[in-house]
Amino acid sequence: MPEGPKGQKRPADVIGNAVRVMEIATGQRDEEYEEGPAKDQAAAELGRRGGKARAERMTPEQRAEAARKAAARRWASS
């Protein structure tokens, strides 16, 4: 089944999706979102600090090499 931008379930058929969009647009129905699992706040905080701490430890040459590798991977997948 297709998913919305936040992973919500959407109707798989085109007509059903068109009817749902029309009902939401005309105010006959509220758009419903299914909430995913909550993120652990401690893990989220560590994740935010991780990249910055890693960049501070790296030399400018190491950062440039990491950026080159990342760009190559992005362009390779396209």
Protein backbone atom coordinates (compact mmCIF):
# COMPACT_ATOMS: atom_id res chain seq x y z
CA MET A 1 0.00 0.00 0.00
CA PRO A 2 1.39 3.46 -0.84
CA GLU A 3 2.61 5.62 2.00
CA GLY A 4 2.37 9.36 2.63
CA PRO A 5 5.33 11.61 3.41
CA LYS A 6 5.36 10.55 7.05
CA GLY A 7 4.73 6.85 6.35
CA GLN A 8 0.93 7.05 6.59
CA LYS A 9 -1.13 4.42 4.79
CA ARG A 10 -2.93 5.65 1.67
CA PRO A 11 -5.49 3.92 -0.58
CA ALA A 12 -3.78 1.80 -3.22
CA ASP A 13 -6.32 2.41 -6.00
CA VAL A 14 -6.45 5.66 -7.97
CA ILE A 15 -10.19 6.27 -7.64
CA GLY A 16 -10.19 5.67 -3.89
CA ASN A 17 -7.29 8.10 -3.51
CA ALA A 18 -9.05 10.72 -5.66
CA VAL A 19 -12.21 10.45 -3.54
CA ARG A 20 -10.19 10.82 -0.33
CA VAL A 21 -8.34 13.90 -1.67
CA MET A 22 -11.65 15.46 -2.77
CA GLU A 23 -13.21 14.86 0.66
CA ILE A 24 -10.20 16.38 2.43
CA ALA A 25 -10.15 19.38 0.05
CA THR A 26 -13.86 20.11 0.54
CA GLY A 27 -13.70 19.68 4.31
CA GLN A 28 -15.92 16.59 4.44
CA ARG A 29 -13.11 14.62 6.07
CA ASP A 30 -10.10 15.44 8.20
CA GLU A 31 -6.74 14.17 7.10
CA GLU A 32 -5.71 11.39 9.46
CA TYR A 33 -2.14 10.47 10.27
CA GLU A 34 -1.01 7.32 12.00
CA GLU A 35 1.71 8.10 14.49
CA GLY A 36 4.85 6.00 14.24
CA PRO A 37 6.86 4.81 17.21
CA ALA A 38 8.15 7.60 19.43
CA LYS A 39 11.89 8.27 19.30
CA ASP A 40 14.01 7.88 22.39
CA GLN A 41 14.95 11.43 23.40
CA ALA A 42 18.38 10.41 24.75
CA ALA A 43 19.26 8.64 21.49
CA ALA A 44 18.06 11.61 19.44
CA GLU A 45 20.26 13.98 21.48
CA LEU A 46 23.31 11.77 21.02
CA GLY A 47 22.61 11.60 17.29
CA ARG A 48 22.50 15.39 17.01
CA ARG A 49 25.82 15.75 18.82
CA GLY A 50 27.57 12.90 16.99
CA GLY A 51 28.24 14.51 13.61
CA LYS A 52 29.48 17.75 15.09
CA ALA A 53 31.84 15.97 17.52
CA ARG A 54 33.19 13.78 14.71
CA ALA A 55 33.82 16.81 12.48
CA GLU A 56 35.70 18.58 15.28
CA ARG A 57 38.04 15.58 15.69
CA MET A 58 38.80 15.28 11.97
CA THR A 59 41.58 17.15 10.19
CA PRO A 60 40.64 19.35 7.21
CA GLU A 61 42.07 16.69 4.87
CA GLN A 62 39.93 13.98 6.47
CA ARG A 63 36.80 16.14 6.19
CA ALA A 64 37.54 16.82 2.52
CA GLU A 65 38.01 13.10 1.86
CA ALA A 66 34.75 12.26 3.63
CA ALA A 67 32.95 14.93 1.57
CA ARG A 68 34.45 13.53 -1.66
CA LYS A 69 33.29 10.01 -0.78
CA ALA A 70 29.80 11.25 0.12
CA ALA A 71 29.48 13.18 -3.15
CA ALA A 72 30.67 10.17 -5.16
CA ARG A 73 28.09 7.94 -3.44
CA ARG A 74 25.28 10.47 -4.06
CA TRP A 75 26.12 10.78 -7.75
CA ALA A 76 26.63 7.02 -8.18
CA SER A 77 23.09 6.22 -7.00
CA SER A 78 21.42 8.69 -9.40
